[in-house]
């Protein structure tokens, strides 16, 4: 099996937010903020500022879990 980064063009990343073990939403990013992706790369963070994702607002000081995923574009 070939490495997935050689098969597809990476067009960005999504950072998924979970609050109280429930999915809140995702924010698109251009560059990764960690080395591990998916469930293995989950990090528990304390928010340093308010974040609005869609219609939901996460307040400063909230404890959230984040997960980073790749957005693959067309096949190379």
Protein backbone atom coordinates (compact mmCIF):
# COMPACT_ATOMS: atom_id res chain seq x y z
CA UNK A 1 0.00 0.00 0.00
CA UNK A 2 1.39 3.36 -1.00
CA UNK A 3 1.75 6.24 1.41
CA UNK A 4 -1.42 8.37 1.32
CA UNK A 5 0.54 11.62 0.96
CA UNK A 6 2.06 10.40 -2.31
CA UNK A 7 -1.32 9.36 -3.75
CA UNK A 8 -3.31 12.53 -3.06
CA UNK A 9 -2.65 16.24 -2.98
CA UNK A 10 -3.15 17.63 0.55
CA UNK A 11 -5.30 20.80 0.27
CA UNK A 12 -5.53 21.60 3.99
CA UNK A 13 -6.44 20.30 7.41
CA UNK A 14 -9.49 20.36 9.69
CA UNK A 15 -9.30 20.75 13.45
CA UNK A 16 -12.33 19.04 15.03
CA UNK A 17 -13.57 20.27 18.42
CA UNK A 18 -15.29 18.05 21.02
CA UNK A 19 -16.89 19.50 24.17
CA UNK A 20 -18.24 17.11 26.84
CA UNK A 21 -17.44 14.24 24.45
CA UNK A 22 -19.79 15.69 21.81
CA UNK A 23 -18.72 16.93 18.40
CA UNK A 24 -19.10 20.71 18.15
CA UNK A 25 -17.62 21.47 14.75
CA UNK A 26 -14.45 21.94 12.76
CA UNK A 27 -12.16 24.77 11.72
CA UNK A 28 -10.14 24.64 8.52
CA UNK A 29 -6.37 25.16 8.77
CA UNK A 30 -3.64 25.60 6.18
CA UNK A 31 -0.77 24.12 8.24
CA UNK A 32 -0.87 21.28 10.81
CA UNK A 33 -0.33 22.12 14.47
CA UNK A 34 0.79 18.60 15.49
CA UNK A 35 2.53 15.52 14.10
CA UNK A 36 -0.15 12.89 14.80
CA UNK A 37 -3.45 12.88 12.92
CA UNK A 38 -6.85 11.39 13.71
CA UNK A 39 -7.84 9.75 16.97
CA UNK A 40 -4.22 8.96 17.89
CA UNK A 41 -3.37 12.67 17.79
CA UNK A 42 -6.19 13.82 20.10
CA UNK A 43 -5.18 16.57 22.53
CA UNK A 44 -7.06 17.97 25.52
CA UNK A 45 -6.79 21.78 25.54
CA UNK A 46 -8.01 24.70 27.63
CA UNK A 47 -9.27 27.47 25.33
CA UNK A 48 -7.38 30.74 25.69
CA UNK A 49 -10.01 32.76 23.80
CA UNK A 50 -13.64 32.45 22.73
CA UNK A 51 -14.16 30.40 19.56
CA UNK A 52 -17.27 30.48 17.37
CA UNK A 53 -17.89 27.43 15.19
CA UNK A 54 -21.01 27.84 13.11
CA UNK A 55 -23.76 28.89 15.54
CA UNK A 56 -22.03 27.43 18.59
CA UNK A 57 -19.71 29.41 20.84
CA UNK A 58 -17.05 27.88 23.06
CA UNK A 59 -16.03 30.17 25.90
CA UNK A 60 -12.54 30.99 27.14
CA UNK A 61 -11.40 28.49 29.78
CA UNK A 62 -13.47 25.59 28.43
CA UNK A 63 -11.76 22.20 28.31
CA UNK A 64 -12.06 20.68 24.83
CA UNK A 65 -10.56 17.76 22.93
CA UNK A 66 -9.20 18.46 19.47
CA UNK A 67 -8.37 16.16 16.59
CA UNK A 68 -6.57 17.05 13.36
CA UNK A 69 -7.50 15.46 9.99
CA UNK A 70 -6.13 15.84 6.48
CA UNK A 71 -8.20 17.14 3.58
CA UNK A 72 -7.14 15.24 0.48
CA UNK A 73 -7.72 16.71 -2.94
CA UNK A 74 -7.38 15.13 -6.33
CA UNK A 75 -5.27 12.08 -7.05
CA UNK A 76 -1.72 12.82 -8.23
